[in-house]
Protein backbone atom coordinates (compact mmCIF):
# COMPACT_ATOMS: atom_id res chain seq x y z
CA MET A 1 3.20 -84.23 -73.86
CA TYR A 2 -0.04 -82.30 -72.46
CA LYS A 3 1.65 -79.10 -71.40
CA GLY A 4 4.85 -79.32 -73.42
CA ARG A 5 4.23 -75.76 -75.22
CA LYS A 6 3.69 -73.43 -72.24
CA ILE A 7 6.99 -75.49 -70.94
CA ILE A 8 8.89 -74.70 -73.66
CA THR A 9 7.71 -71.59 -74.32
CA GLY A 10 8.40 -70.50 -70.92
CA LEU A 11 12.10 -72.35 -71.22
CA ILE A 12 12.67 -69.81 -74.27
CA LEU A 13 11.41 -66.77 -72.25
CA PHE A 14 13.60 -67.75 -69.18
CA VAL A 15 16.85 -67.53 -71.39
CA GLY A 16 15.41 -65.12 -73.30
CA LEU A 17 15.32 -62.48 -70.54
CA ALA A 18 18.54 -64.25 -68.32
CA ALA A 19 20.42 -63.37 -71.80
CA ILE A 20 19.46 -59.65 -71.99
CA PRO A 21 21.75 -58.31 -69.54
CA PHE A 22 25.01 -60.08 -71.45
CA PHE A 23 23.11 -58.95 -75.27
CA TYR A 24 23.43 -55.21 -73.51
CA ASN A 25 26.82 -54.75 -72.69
CA SER A 26 27.81 -56.96 -75.01
CA GLY A 27 31.21 -55.03 -76.77
CA LYS A 28 31.07 -52.89 -74.51
CA THR A 29 34.24 -52.38 -72.53
CA SER A 30 35.47 -50.20 -69.33
CA VAL A 31 38.65 -47.98 -69.67
CA LYS A 32 40.55 -49.44 -66.65
CA PRO A 33 41.66 -45.47 -64.39
CA GLU A 34 44.54 -44.64 -63.88
CA PRO A 35 45.53 -42.41 -60.67
CA ASN A 36 45.89 -39.15 -60.56
CA ILE A 37 49.28 -39.55 -58.43
CA ASP A 38 49.86 -36.09 -59.53
CA THR A 39 49.65 -33.49 -56.17
CA PRO A 40 51.46 -30.88 -55.12
CA ALA A 41 53.06 -32.61 -52.27
CA ILE A 42 54.54 -35.54 -55.03
CA GLN A 43 56.11 -33.28 -56.99
CA GLN A 44 58.67 -31.45 -54.00
CA LEU A 45 59.36 -34.76 -53.17
CA ALA A 46 62.69 -35.55 -54.31
CA GLU A 47 62.24 -39.04 -54.54
CA LYS A 48 58.63 -40.18 -55.82
CA GLN A 49 58.42 -43.24 -53.91
CA CYS A 50 55.55 -44.62 -52.09
CA VAL A 51 56.00 -47.19 -48.75
CA GLU A 52 56.97 -49.47 -51.17
CA PRO A 53 57.35 -50.07 -55.39
CA ARG A 54 54.51 -49.25 -57.67
CA GLU A 55 53.20 -51.96 -58.71
CA PHE A 56 53.56 -53.94 -54.82
CA MET A 57 51.01 -51.13 -53.29
CA LYS A 58 48.89 -52.09 -56.98
CA ALA A 59 48.50 -55.59 -55.91
CA ASN A 60 49.06 -55.46 -51.81
CA HIS A 61 48.01 -51.77 -50.21
CA MET A 62 44.95 -53.26 -48.81
CA GLN A 63 46.58 -55.75 -47.10
CA LEU A 64 49.21 -53.02 -46.00
CA LEU A 65 46.43 -51.66 -45.13
CA ASN A 66 44.96 -54.07 -42.61
CA ASP A 67 48.67 -55.19 -41.99
CA TRP A 68 49.09 -51.29 -40.60
CA ARG A 69 45.58 -51.23 -38.81
CA ASP A 70 46.61 -54.59 -37.00
CA SER A 71 50.06 -53.22 -36.23
CA ALA A 72 48.84 -50.26 -34.57
CA VAL A 73 45.32 -50.83 -33.11
CA ARG A 74 46.25 -54.17 -31.85
CA ASP A 75 49.94 -54.32 -31.42
CA GLY A 76 50.59 -50.06 -30.62
CA SER A 77 53.32 -50.16 -33.15
CA ARG A 78 53.53 -47.20 -35.05
CA ILE A 79 56.88 -47.71 -37.30
CA TYR A 80 56.27 -49.90 -40.82
CA VAL A 81 59.92 -50.48 -41.99
CA ASN A 82 59.25 -50.88 -45.84
CA SER A 83 61.33 -53.63 -48.04
CA GLN A 84 64.05 -51.21 -48.67
CA GLY A 85 64.78 -50.77 -44.89
CA LYS A 86 63.07 -47.37 -45.05
CA GLN A 87 61.18 -45.99 -41.96
CA PHE A 88 57.75 -44.50 -42.51
CA THR A 89 55.16 -43.94 -39.32
CA ILE A 90 52.17 -46.15 -39.94
CA SER A 91 49.39 -43.61 -40.39
CA LEU A 92 46.51 -43.13 -43.33
CA GLN A 93 45.83 -39.70 -43.20
CA ASN A 94 49.73 -38.35 -42.20
CA THR A 95 51.57 -40.37 -44.17
CA CYS A 96 49.60 -41.68 -46.92
CA MET A 97 47.29 -39.35 -47.45
CA HIS A 98 50.24 -36.85 -46.92
CA CYS A 99 50.87 -37.58 -50.60
CA HIS A 100 47.61 -38.43 -52.03
CA SER A 101 45.26 -36.04 -51.28
CA ASN A 102 43.64 -36.34 -54.04
CA LYS A 103 41.16 -39.04 -52.29
CA ALA A 104 38.55 -38.02 -55.10
CA GLU A 105 40.90 -38.84 -58.07
CA PHE A 106 43.03 -41.16 -56.58
CA CYS A 107 41.43 -43.71 -54.64
CA ASP A 108 38.27 -42.59 -55.57
CA LYS A 109 38.36 -43.69 -59.44
CA CYS A 110 39.43 -47.24 -58.20
CA HIS A 111 37.74 -48.87 -55.86
CA THR A 112 34.20 -47.18 -58.44
CA TYR A 113 36.05 -49.55 -61.04
CA ALA A 114 36.31 -52.63 -59.56
CA ASN A 115 32.95 -51.53 -57.28
CA VAL A 116 34.94 -51.64 -53.95
CA LYS A 117 33.83 -50.24 -51.02
CA PRO A 118 36.11 -49.95 -48.07
CA TYR A 119 35.67 -48.91 -44.75
CA CYS A 120 38.43 -46.44 -44.03
CA TRP A 121 36.34 -43.99 -43.11
CA ASN A 122 33.74 -45.44 -41.47
CA CYS A 123 37.19 -44.78 -38.44
CA HIS A 124 39.13 -42.15 -40.56
CA ILE A 125 37.90 -38.58 -41.24
CA ALA A 126 38.20 -38.24 -45.26
CA PRO A 127 40.79 -35.67 -46.61
CA LYS A 128 39.73 -32.57 -47.04
CA GLU A 129 40.33 -31.75 -50.81
CA ASN A 130 41.09 -28.52 -52.77
CA LYS A 131 38.90 -27.14 -55.97
CA THR A 132 41.84 -25.00 -56.83
């Protein structure tokens, strides 16, 4: 090989530089956030349950919100009937954010952790949070 040393040296340097992020982050873990649902509106509820059970909401809340959007905007339907047969008004701001009013603690914590940038607030007005 005429330029074998340069090629091998370049490959070693490339692999070393490409591996730096893996070595830099080895042993570091991110703590999974637990959303804070302790709001005054939730504390006043007799039955502390969301529109669907907790596990369903953790796994499928974005799909539910997309379905709500399609149902309300495209079909004109404003009533959601959950798996237990209860009816809820389809509204991000008046149904969801009524109870989950602490957007920074409830929404933003998990979305930042998962590096997700939902576009809810492109159309909806972000709730004002009380700093008491």
